[in-house]
Amino acid sequence: MRKRKPKPRVIAPDPRFGDTLVTTFVNMMMYSGKKSAAFKIFYDACDKIQERTKQDPHQVWKKALNNAMPQVEVRSRRVGGATFQIPTEIRAKRKISIGMKWIIKFARQRSGKGMAEKMAAELIAASKGEGAAVKRKEDTHKMAESNRAFAHFRV
């Protein structure tokens, strides 16, 4: 067993918005260590959001992230030979990272030309409460709601 918790890594705030969450988001987007390329994609997406919505892209991004973050999730647990889906609350950091991963995943799956275009479209949709990432969150919540009867098995 581990003796002590590892020190949390210090994440530098991003150059444009001065937000560490943006850097975390870009880190998740990044492929094979190409951080400057990931930042370029993110900022291009922000510029596109600015053009289309005439709103602050940082606020749109924050709203999109909030709309895509799940509050509960289901975890599988075996109880006496049967496997139950048990709804559990998610801790704050995991909520954020799941929300980010979903937005990135569904932006990549979108049709469109270029990742910046797809990311902008997904962020705008998510900020309006639409889009695949928000749908995934709602599905997760529905699943947790329908399995609420098993909540007493919680670990």
C-alpha atoms as a PDB file:
ATOM      1  CA  MET A   1       0.000   0.000   0.000  1.00  0.00           C
ATOM      2  CA  ARG A   2       1.149   3.517  -0.716  1.00  0.00           C
ATOM      3  CA  LYS A   3       2.522   5.424   2.238  1.00  0.00           C
ATOM      4  CA  ARG A   4       1.650   8.948   1.217  1.00  0.00           C
ATOM      5  CA  LYS A   5      -0.423  10.746  -1.356  1.00  0.00           C
ATOM      6  CA  PRO A   6       1.471  12.099  -4.359  1.00  0.00           C
ATOM      7  CA  LYS A   7       1.822  15.869  -4.524  1.00  0.00           C
ATOM      8  CA  PRO A   8      -0.743  17.405  -6.862  1.00  0.00           C
ATOM      9  CA  ARG A   9       0.873  18.756 -10.026  1.00  0.00           C
ATOM     10  CA  VAL A  10       0.892  22.489 -10.470  1.00  0.00           C
ATOM     11  CA  ILE A  11      -0.856  23.404 -13.712  1.00  0.00           C
ATOM     12  CA  ALA A  12       0.038  26.765 -15.245  1.00  0.00           C
ATOM     13  CA  PRO A  13      -2.840  29.046 -16.258  1.00  0.00           C
ATOM     14  CA  ASP A  14      -3.387  29.432 -19.999  1.00  0.00           C
ATOM     15  CA  PRO A  15      -2.000  32.527 -21.753  1.00  0.00           C
ATOM     16  CA  ARG A  16      -5.270  34.021 -23.062  1.00  0.00           C
ATOM     17  CA  PHE A  17      -7.771  33.570 -20.230  1.00  0.00           C
ATOM     18  CA  GLY A  18      -5.418  32.938 -17.297  1.00  0.00           C
ATOM     19  CA  ASP A  19      -7.464  29.884 -16.297  1.00  0.00           C
ATOM     20  CA  THR A  20      -5.899  26.612 -15.110  1.00  0.00           C
ATOM     21  CA  LEU A  21      -9.052  24.695 -16.127  1.00  0.00           C
ATOM     22  CA  VAL A  22      -8.485  25.732 -19.745  1.00  0.00           C
ATOM     23  CA  THR A  23      -4.954  24.320 -19.562  1.00  0.00           C
ATOM     24  CA  THR A  24      -6.328  21.053 -18.160  1.00  0.00           C
ATOM     25  CA  PHE A  25      -8.833  20.927 -21.023  1.00  0.00           C
ATOM     26  CA  VAL A  26      -6.097  21.544 -23.601  1.00  0.00           C
ATOM     27  CA  ASN A  27      -3.931  18.862 -21.963  1.00  0.00           C
ATOM     28  CA  MET A  28      -6.760  16.366 -22.431  1.00  0.00           C
ATOM     29  CA  MET A  29      -7.170  17.410 -26.077  1.00  0.00           C
ATOM     30  CA  MET A  30      -3.469  17.060 -26.790  1.00  0.00           C
ATOM     31  CA  TYR A  31      -2.137  14.195 -28.894  1.00  0.00           C
ATOM     32  CA  SER A  32       1.436  12.905 -28.419  1.00  0.00           C
ATOM     33  CA  GLY A  33       2.739  15.925 -26.515  1.00  0.00           C
ATOM     34  CA  LYS A  34       1.796  18.556 -29.091  1.00  0.00           C
ATOM     35  CA  LYS A  35       0.575  21.163 -26.657  1.00  0.00           C
ATOM     36  CA  SER A  36       1.031  24.217 -28.892  1.00  0.00           C
ATOM     37  CA  ALA A  37      -1.083  22.537 -31.589  1.00  0.00           C
ATOM     38  CA  ALA A  38      -3.785  21.753 -28.998  1.00  0.00           C
ATOM     39  CA  PHE A  39      -3.757  25.366 -27.761  1.00  0.00           C
ATOM     40  CA  LYS A  40      -4.030  26.619 -31.352  1.00  0.00           C
ATOM     41  CA  ILE A  41      -7.063  24.380 -31.942  1.00  0.00           C
ATOM     42  CA  PHE A  42      -8.695  25.570 -28.705  1.00  0.00           C
ATOM     43  CA  TYR A  43      -8.093  29.260 -29.388  1.00  0.00           C
ATOM     44  CA  ASP A  44      -9.262  28.908 -33.002  1.00  0.00           C
ATOM     45  CA  ALA A  45     -12.433  27.298 -31.660  1.00  0.00           C
ATOM     46  CA  CYS A  46     -12.783  30.243 -29.249  1.00  0.00           C
ATOM     47  CA  ASP A  47     -12.465  32.721 -32.119  1.00  0.00           C
ATOM     48  CA  LYS A  48     -15.143  30.837 -34.055  1.00  0.00           C
ATOM     49  CA  ILE A  49     -17.429  30.898 -30.990  1.00  0.00           C
ATOM     50  CA  GLN A  50     -16.838  34.666 -30.694  1.00  0.00           C
ATOM     51  CA  GLU A  51     -17.787  35.140 -34.366  1.00  0.00           C
ATOM     52  CA  ARG A  52     -20.926  32.999 -34.238  1.00  0.00           C
ATOM     53  CA  THR A  53     -22.431  33.857 -30.857  1.00  0.00           C
ATOM     54  CA  LYS A  54     -21.027  37.356 -30.211  1.00  0.00           C
ATOM     55  CA  GLN A  55     -20.417  36.220 -26.608  1.00  0.00           C
ATOM     56  CA  ASP A  56     -17.292  35.823 -24.491  1.00  0.00           C
ATOM     57  CA  PRO A  57     -15.882  32.433 -25.588  1.00  0.00           C
ATOM     58  CA  HIS A  58     -14.547  31.730 -22.081  1.00  0.00           C
ATOM     59  CA  GLN A  59     -18.055  32.066 -20.640  1.00  0.00           C
ATOM     60  CA  VAL A  60     -19.487  29.866 -23.406  1.00  0.00           C
ATOM     61  CA  TRP A  61     -16.825  27.230 -22.660  1.00  0.00           C
ATOM     62  CA  LYS A  62     -17.529  27.359 -18.909  1.00  0.00           C
ATOM     63  CA  LYS A  63     -21.276  27.048 -19.477  1.00  0.00           C
ATOM     64  CA  ALA A  64     -20.718  24.135 -21.871  1.00  0.00           C
ATOM     65  CA  LEU A  65     -18.540  22.375 -19.308  1.00  0.00           C
ATOM     66  CA  ASN A  66     -21.120  22.918 -16.565  1.00  0.00           C
ATOM     67  CA  ASN A  67     -23.877  21.512 -18.770  1.00  0.00           C
ATOM     68  CA  ALA A  68     -21.792  18.430 -19.637  1.00  0.00           C
ATOM     69  CA  MET A  69     -20.647  17.579 -16.081  1.00  0.00           C
ATOM     70  CA  PRO A  70     -22.511  14.628 -14.552  1.00  0.00           C
ATOM     71  CA  GLN A  71     -23.522  14.776 -10.878  1.00  0.00           C
ATOM     72  CA  VAL A  72     -24.061  11.024 -10.397  1.00  0.00           C
ATOM     73  CA  GLU A  73     -22.853   7.884 -12.118  1.00  0.00           C
ATOM     74  CA  VAL A  74     -23.603   4.180 -11.865  1.00  0.00           C
ATOM     75  CA  ARG A  75     -21.013   1.742 -10.613  1.00  0.00           C
ATOM     76  CA  SER A  76     -21.280  -2.031 -10.982  1.00  0.00           C
ATOM     77  CA  ARG A  77     -21.219  -4.030  -7.767  1.00  0.00           C
ATOM     78  CA  ARG A  78     -21.687  -7.740  -7.238  1.00  0.00           C
ATOM     79  CA  VAL A  79     -24.039  -8.641  -4.424  1.00  0.00           C
ATOM     80  CA  GLY A  80     -24.747 -12.322  -3.896  1.00  0.00           C
ATOM     81  CA  GLY A  81     -24.175 -13.490  -7.454  1.00  0.00           C
ATOM     82  CA  ALA A  82     -26.068 -10.624  -9.065  1.00  0.00           C
ATOM     83  CA  THR A  83     -24.480  -7.495 -10.489  1.00  0.00           C
ATOM     84  CA  PHE A  84     -26.240  -4.258  -9.589  1.00  0.00           C
ATOM     85  CA  GLN A  85     -25.750  -0.831 -11.085  1.00  0.00           C
ATOM     86  CA  ILE A  86     -25.405   1.371  -8.027  1.00  0.00           C
ATOM     87  CA  PRO A  87     -25.820   5.148  -8.385  1.00  0.00           C
ATOM     88  CA  THR A  88     -23.028   7.078  -6.657  1.00  0.00           C
ATOM     89  CA  GLU A  89     -22.219  10.759  -6.265  1.00  0.00           C
ATOM     90  CA  ILE A  90     -19.136  11.893  -8.163  1.00  0.00           C
ATOM     91  CA  ARG A  91     -16.430  13.926  -6.462  1.00  0.00           C
ATOM     92  CA  ALA A  92     -15.708  17.405  -7.843  1.00  0.00           C
ATOM     93  CA  LYS A  93     -12.465  16.713  -9.716  1.00  0.00           C
ATOM     94  CA  ARG A  94     -13.847  13.611 -11.411  1.00  0.00           C
ATOM     95  CA  LYS A  95     -16.974  15.531 -12.486  1.00  0.00           C
ATOM     96  CA  ILE A  96     -14.828  18.099 -14.234  1.00  0.00           C
ATOM     97  CA  SER A  97     -12.567  15.577 -15.928  1.00  0.00           C
ATOM     98  CA  ILE A  98     -15.483  13.431 -17.132  1.00  0.00           C
ATOM     99  CA  GLY A  99     -17.238  16.516 -18.516  1.00  0.00           C
ATOM    100  CA  MET A 100     -14.083  17.593 -20.358  1.00  0.00           C
ATOM    101  CA  LYS A 101     -13.443  14.113 -21.761  1.00  0.00           C
ATOM    102  CA  TRP A 102     -17.004  13.843 -23.044  1.00  0.00           C
ATOM    103  CA  ILE A 103     -16.886  17.242 -24.754  1.00  0.00           C
ATOM    104  CA  ILE A 104     -13.571  16.368 -26.433  1.00  0.00           C
ATOM    105  CA  LYS A 105     -14.723  12.874 -27.407  1.00  0.00           C
ATOM    106  CA  PHE A 106     -17.957  14.051 -29.000  1.00  0.00           C
ATOM    107  CA  ALA A 107     -16.283  17.023 -30.672  1.00  0.00           C
ATOM    108  CA  ARG A 108     -13.885  14.569 -32.353  1.00  0.00           C
ATOM    109  CA  GLN A 109     -16.819  12.434 -33.535  1.00  0.00           C
ATOM    110  CA  ARG A 110     -18.672  15.413 -35.044  1.00  0.00           C
ATOM    111  CA  SER A 111     -18.778  15.951 -38.774  1.00  0.00           C
ATOM    112  CA  GLY A 112     -17.088  19.070 -40.018  1.00  0.00           C
ATOM    113  CA  LYS A 113     -13.799  20.322 -41.344  1.00  0.00           C
ATOM    114  CA  GLY A 114     -10.989  20.680 -38.857  1.00  0.00           C
ATOM    115  CA  MET A 115     -10.926  20.051 -35.127  1.00  0.00           C
ATOM    116  CA  ALA A 116     -11.366  23.751 -34.240  1.00  0.00           C
ATOM    117  CA  GLU A 117     -14.607  23.828 -36.235  1.00  0.00           C
ATOM    118  CA  LYS A 118     -15.901  20.667 -34.549  1.00  0.00           C
ATOM    119  CA  MET A 119     -14.862  21.854 -31.063  1.00  0.00           C
ATOM    120  CA  ALA A 120     -16.579  25.224 -31.581  1.00  0.00           C
ATOM    121  CA  ALA A 121     -19.774  23.485 -32.728  1.00  0.00           C
ATOM    122  CA  GLU A 122     -19.776  21.081 -29.762  1.00  0.00           C
ATOM    123  CA  LEU A 123     -19.078  23.858 -27.229  1.00  0.00           C
ATOM    124  CA  ILE A 124     -21.834  26.079 -28.624  1.00  0.00           C
ATOM    125  CA  ALA A 125     -24.286  23.151 -28.579  1.00  0.00           C
ATOM    126  CA  ALA A 126     -23.298  22.147 -25.031  1.00  0.00           C
ATOM    127  CA  SER A 127     -23.618  25.714 -23.754  1.00  0.00           C
ATOM    128  CA  LYS A 128     -27.203  25.741 -25.072  1.00  0.00           C
ATOM    129  CA  GLY A 129     -27.893  22.436 -23.321  1.00  0.00           C
ATOM    130  CA  GLU A 130     -27.835  20.436 -26.553  1.00  0.00           C
ATOM    131  CA  GLY A 131     -25.162  18.288 -28.176  1.00  0.00           C
ATOM    132  CA  ALA A 132     -23.898  14.767 -27.622  1.00  0.00           C
ATOM    133  CA  ALA A 133     -21.922  15.511 -24.432  1.00  0.00           C
ATOM    134  CA  VAL A 134     -25.014  16.891 -22.680  1.00  0.00           C
ATOM    135  CA  LYS A 135     -27.072  13.958 -23.981  1.00  0.00           C
ATOM    136  CA  ARG A 136     -24.521  11.557 -22.456  1.00  0.00           C
ATOM    137  CA  LYS A 137     -24.836  13.356 -19.119  1.00  0.00           C
ATOM    138  CA  GLU A 138     -28.632  13.113 -19.250  1.00  0.00           C
ATOM    139  CA  ASP A 139     -28.451   9.406 -20.114  1.00  0.00           C
ATOM    140  CA  THR A 140     -26.111   8.820 -17.173  1.00  0.00           C
ATOM    141  CA  HIS A 141     -28.496  10.674 -14.857  1.00  0.00           C
ATOM    142  CA  LYS A 142     -31.470   8.677 -16.167  1.00  0.00           C
ATOM    143  CA  MET A 143     -29.607   5.438 -15.557  1.00  0.00           C
ATOM    144  CA  ALA A 144     -28.760   6.511 -12.008  1.00  0.00           C
ATOM    145  CA  GLU A 145     -32.370   7.552 -11.430  1.00  0.00           C
ATOM    146  CA  SER A 146     -33.781   4.231 -12.655  1.00  0.00           C
ATOM    147  CA  ASN A 147     -31.354   2.308 -10.438  1.00  0.00           C
ATOM    148  CA  ARG A 148     -32.065   4.415  -7.344  1.00  0.00           C
ATOM    149  CA  ALA A 149     -33.643   1.379  -5.670  1.00  0.00           C
ATOM    150  CA  PHE A 150     -30.157  -0.137  -5.302  1.00  0.00           C
ATOM    151  CA  ALA A 151     -28.632   2.948  -3.665  1.00  0.00           C
ATOM    152  CA  HIS A 152     -28.624   1.183  -0.279  1.00  0.00           C
ATOM    153  CA  PHE A 153     -25.914  -1.216  -1.590  1.00  0.00           C
ATOM    154  CA  ARG A 154     -23.519   1.727  -1.777  1.00  0.00           C
ATOM    155  CA  VAL A 155     -20.014   1.008  -0.521  1.00  0.00           C
END
